N, C-alpha and C. Protein backbone atom coordinates (compact mmCIF):
# COMPACT_ATOMS: atom_id res chain seq x y z
N MET A 1 131.16 -65.31 52.14
CA MET A 1 131.87 -64.25 51.71
C MET A 1 133.26 -65.16 51.91
N SER A 2 134.30 -64.68 51.04
CA SER A 2 135.24 -65.72 50.77
C SER A 2 136.62 -65.28 52.07
N ASN A 3 137.26 -65.87 52.27
CA ASN A 3 138.30 -65.35 53.18
C ASN A 3 139.56 -65.48 52.41
N ASP A 4 139.94 -65.98 51.15
CA ASP A 4 140.98 -65.71 50.50
C ASP A 4 141.28 -63.91 50.14
N ASN A 5 142.04 -63.64 50.84
CA ASN A 5 142.36 -62.14 51.12
C ASN A 5 144.33 -62.27 50.37
N PRO A 6 143.91 -61.24 48.96
CA PRO A 6 145.47 -61.25 48.22
C PRO A 6 146.39 -60.76 49.34
N GLN A 7 145.96 -59.59 49.90
CA GLN A 7 146.95 -58.94 50.94
C GLN A 7 147.32 -59.61 51.52
N ILE A 8 146.94 -60.88 52.37
CA ILE A 8 147.72 -61.22 53.21
C ILE A 8 148.54 -62.54 53.35
N GLN A 9 148.32 -62.98 51.90
CA GLN A 9 149.25 -63.90 51.09
C GLN A 9 150.64 -63.23 50.96
N PRO A 10 152.08 -63.98 51.49
CA PRO A 10 153.14 -63.01 50.58
C PRO A 10 153.09 -63.41 49.30
N GLN A 11 154.06 -62.41 48.98
CA GLN A 11 154.55 -62.48 47.53
C GLN A 11 155.14 -63.71 47.18
N MET A 12 156.59 -63.43 47.77
CA MET A 12 157.18 -64.47 47.85
C MET A 12 157.19 -65.10 48.73
N THR A 13 157.95 -66.36 48.82
CA THR A 13 158.20 -67.16 49.89
C THR A 13 159.63 -67.23 50.65
N ARG A 14 160.18 -67.55 52.01
CA ARG A 14 160.96 -67.48 51.87
C ARG A 14 162.22 -68.33 50.73
N GLN A 15 161.81 -69.36 50.32
CA GLN A 15 162.91 -69.77 49.04
C GLN A 15 162.45 -69.07 48.33
N ASP A 16 161.66 -68.26 47.69
CA ASP A 16 162.03 -67.38 47.23
C ASP A 16 163.10 -66.54 46.85
N ILE A 17 163.05 -65.67 48.32
CA ILE A 17 164.28 -64.63 48.40
C ILE A 17 165.46 -65.57 48.85
N LEU A 18 165.89 -66.51 49.12
CA LEU A 18 167.48 -67.29 49.50
C LEU A 18 167.72 -67.75 48.41
N ASP A 19 167.18 -68.03 47.45
CA ASP A 19 167.35 -68.20 46.11
C ASP A 19 167.37 -66.89 45.31
N ILE A 20 167.17 -65.63 45.94
CA ILE A 20 167.58 -64.48 45.04
C ILE A 20 168.35 -64.11 45.55
N VAL A 21 168.74 -64.06 47.38
CA VAL A 21 169.72 -63.41 47.76
C VAL A 21 170.48 -64.25 48.56
N ASP A 22 171.87 -64.31 48.83
CA ASP A 22 172.37 -65.04 49.95
C ASP A 22 172.79 -64.82 50.72
N ASN A 23 173.15 -65.75 52.05
CA ASN A 23 173.20 -65.20 53.35
C ASN A 23 172.63 -64.73 53.84
N VAL A 24 171.38 -64.56 54.24
CA VAL A 24 169.87 -63.79 54.47
C VAL A 24 169.45 -64.59 55.74
N ASP A 25 169.55 -63.29 57.09
CA ASP A 25 169.04 -64.20 58.08
C ASP A 25 167.30 -64.02 58.24
N ASP A 26 166.40 -64.83 59.19
CA ASP A 26 165.42 -64.58 58.80
C ASP A 26 164.43 -63.23 59.54
N ASP A 27 165.54 -62.68 60.15
CA ASP A 27 164.42 -61.36 60.67
C ASP A 27 164.72 -60.17 59.02
N LEU A 28 165.55 -60.70 58.03
CA LEU A 28 165.79 -59.97 56.80
C LEU A 28 164.66 -60.16 56.00
N VAL A 29 164.38 -61.87 56.17
CA VAL A 29 163.51 -62.77 55.19
C VAL A 29 161.94 -62.20 55.31
N ILE A 30 161.74 -62.16 57.26
CA ILE A 30 161.06 -61.76 57.27
C ILE A 30 160.15 -59.81 56.61
N GLN A 31 161.37 -59.20 56.82
CA GLN A 31 160.98 -57.72 56.45
C GLN A 31 160.84 -57.52 55.26
N ILE A 32 161.35 -58.81 54.43
CA ILE A 32 161.28 -58.44 52.80
C ILE A 32 160.16 -59.06 52.57
N ILE A 33 159.38 -60.46 53.17
CA ILE A 33 157.98 -61.00 52.97
C ILE A 33 157.01 -59.83 53.19
N ASP A 34 157.72 -58.87 54.58
CA ASP A 34 156.27 -57.67 54.69
C ASP A 34 155.91 -56.67 53.53
N THR A 35 157.17 -55.91 53.21
CA THR A 35 156.83 -55.14 51.93
C THR A 35 155.31 -55.76 50.92
N GLY A 36 155.76 -56.96 51.04
CA GLY A 36 154.33 -57.61 49.80
C GLY A 36 155.07 -57.81 48.13
N ALA A 37 156.62 -57.71 48.50
CA ALA A 37 157.32 -57.75 47.26
C ALA A 37 157.28 -58.78 46.41
N THR A 38 157.26 -58.85 44.68
CA THR A 38 157.06 -59.85 43.98
C THR A 38 158.87 -60.22 43.49
N LYS A 39 159.00 -61.11 43.34
CA LYS A 39 160.39 -61.56 43.09
C LYS A 39 161.18 -60.65 41.80
N GLN A 40 160.93 -60.29 41.26
CA GLN A 40 160.88 -59.12 40.00
C GLN A 40 161.41 -58.08 41.17
N GLU A 41 160.43 -57.31 41.23
CA GLU A 41 161.27 -55.99 42.62
C GLU A 41 162.19 -56.29 43.52
N LEU A 42 162.51 -57.64 43.72
CA LEU A 42 163.53 -58.13 44.80
C LEU A 42 164.78 -57.86 43.96
N LEU A 43 164.61 -58.14 42.33
CA LEU A 43 165.50 -58.62 41.60
C LEU A 43 165.87 -56.52 41.28
N GLU A 44 164.66 -56.35 41.03
CA GLU A 44 165.18 -54.56 40.82
C GLU A 44 166.03 -53.70 41.68
N ALA A 45 165.67 -54.36 43.20
CA ALA A 45 166.03 -53.11 43.88
C ALA A 45 167.42 -53.91 43.99
N ILE A 46 168.07 -55.50 43.85
CA ILE A 46 169.54 -55.40 43.91
C ILE A 46 169.94 -55.17 43.24
N THR A 47 169.58 -55.02 41.70
CA THR A 47 170.51 -53.93 40.67
C THR A 47 170.50 -52.65 40.69
N TRP A 48 169.91 -51.72 41.69
CA TRP A 48 169.45 -50.65 42.02
C TRP A 48 171.29 -50.16 43.04
N LEU A 49 170.93 -51.13 44.17
CA LEU A 49 172.44 -51.47 44.96
C LEU A 49 173.09 -52.18 44.35
N SER A 50 173.78 -53.03 43.42
CA SER A 50 175.10 -53.62 42.84
C SER A 50 175.25 -52.25 41.62
N GLY A 51 174.46 -51.89 41.66
CA GLY A 51 174.43 -51.09 40.21
C GLY A 51 175.50 -49.37 40.57
N ASP A 52 175.56 -48.90 39.72
CA ASP A 52 175.85 -46.90 39.53
C ASP A 52 174.64 -46.25 40.00
N GLU A 53 173.69 -46.13 40.93
CA GLU A 53 172.82 -45.54 40.98
C GLU A 53 172.15 -44.33 39.58
N GLU A 54 173.09 -43.30 39.82
CA GLU A 54 172.95 -42.22 39.10
C GLU A 54 172.73 -42.36 37.34
N VAL A 55 173.52 -43.55 37.19
CA VAL A 55 174.06 -44.30 35.73
C VAL A 55 172.24 -44.83 35.13
N LEU A 56 172.02 -45.64 36.68
CA LEU A 56 170.19 -46.29 36.81
C LEU A 56 169.04 -45.21 36.41
N ALA A 57 169.12 -44.17 37.12
CA ALA A 57 168.54 -43.24 37.65
C ALA A 57 168.35 -42.34 36.22
N THR A 58 169.57 -42.64 35.28
CA THR A 58 169.40 -41.93 33.56
C THR A 58 168.53 -42.93 33.17
N ALA A 59 169.36 -44.14 32.97
CA ALA A 59 168.37 -44.76 31.49
C ALA A 59 167.44 -44.94 31.88
N LEU A 60 167.02 -45.28 33.33
CA LEU A 60 165.49 -45.81 33.44
C LEU A 60 164.70 -44.42 33.43
N ASP A 61 164.84 -43.21 33.66
CA ASP A 61 164.75 -41.88 33.91
C ASP A 61 163.45 -42.28 35.20
N ARG A 62 164.08 -42.34 35.88
CA ARG A 62 163.69 -43.03 37.28
C ARG A 62 164.08 -42.93 38.52
N GLU A 63 164.05 -43.07 39.71
CA GLU A 63 164.73 -43.16 40.91
C GLU A 63 163.65 -44.53 40.98
N PRO A 64 164.27 -45.48 41.84
CA PRO A 64 164.04 -46.54 42.87
C PRO A 64 161.98 -46.27 43.41
N SER A 65 161.01 -46.64 43.20
CA SER A 65 160.00 -46.12 44.10
C SER A 65 159.71 -47.30 44.66
N GLY A 66 158.02 -47.02 45.17
CA GLY A 66 157.36 -48.18 45.88
C GLY A 66 157.71 -48.93 46.61
N ARG A 67 158.02 -50.36 46.34
CA ARG A 67 158.11 -51.71 47.54
C ARG A 67 159.84 -51.73 46.92
N VAL A 68 160.01 -51.11 45.45
CA VAL A 68 161.73 -51.48 45.17
C VAL A 68 162.31 -50.65 46.07
N ALA A 69 161.99 -49.35 46.49
CA ALA A 69 162.60 -48.30 47.44
C ALA A 69 163.07 -48.90 49.14
N GLN A 70 161.67 -49.68 49.29
CA GLN A 70 161.64 -50.19 50.38
C GLN A 70 162.75 -51.36 50.38
N LEU A 71 162.40 -52.32 49.39
CA LEU A 71 163.85 -53.41 49.85
C LEU A 71 165.05 -53.20 49.38
N CYS A 72 164.90 -51.76 48.58
CA CYS A 72 166.67 -51.05 48.71
C CYS A 72 167.05 -50.69 50.21
N ASP A 73 165.88 -49.88 50.76
CA ASP A 73 166.52 -49.23 52.76
C ASP A 73 166.51 -51.06 53.20
N ILE A 74 166.16 -51.58 53.00
CA ILE A 74 165.42 -52.69 54.47
C ILE A 74 167.18 -53.49 53.70
N LEU A 75 167.61 -53.58 52.55
CA LEU A 75 168.78 -54.03 51.86
C LEU A 75 170.08 -53.61 52.39
N SER A 76 169.74 -52.30 52.09
CA SER A 76 171.29 -51.37 52.52
C SER A 76 171.74 -51.06 53.94
N THR A 77 170.77 -51.48 54.66
CA THR A 77 170.99 -51.37 55.87
C THR A 77 171.49 -52.78 56.64
N SER A 78 171.38 -53.67 55.89
CA SER A 78 171.49 -54.93 56.18
C SER A 78 173.08 -55.22 55.29
N ALA A 79 173.53 -55.88 56.46
CA ALA A 79 175.20 -56.55 55.96
C ALA A 79 174.98 -56.36 54.03
N LEU A 80 173.79 -56.84 53.55
CA LEU A 80 174.28 -57.65 52.34
C LEU A 80 174.58 -55.86 51.43
N GLY A 81 173.82 -55.08 51.95
CA GLY A 81 174.21 -53.64 51.30
C GLY A 81 175.75 -53.02 50.80
N GLU A 82 176.59 -54.17 51.46
CA GLU A 82 177.64 -53.71 51.79
C GLU A 82 178.82 -54.84 50.99
N GLU A 83 177.62 -56.05 50.52
CA GLU A 83 178.52 -57.13 49.97
C GLU A 83 178.45 -56.53 48.41
N GLU A 84 178.78 -57.66 47.62
CA GLU A 84 178.38 -57.14 45.92
C GLU A 84 177.97 -59.02 45.71
N ARG A 85 177.14 -59.17 44.75
CA ARG A 85 177.00 -60.18 44.41
C ARG A 85 177.42 -61.09 43.49
């Protein structure tokens, strides 16, 4: 039986997150990694937070969901939710 379980391996590394999001502390990095999100999902969450959510929801015909929604919640409750990228 193999010990390789992809569920316990993070989708992103700390450096991946730092390359995408500026000024994050270790607690926020851990919260992001714990979601199991991909870089693409993190970028989508940042897009939702930095744009007009109503326009995005209409254009995409959906609201953020799953890991993207989790990331939006995490980022919006941090200082990053108040800053523009």
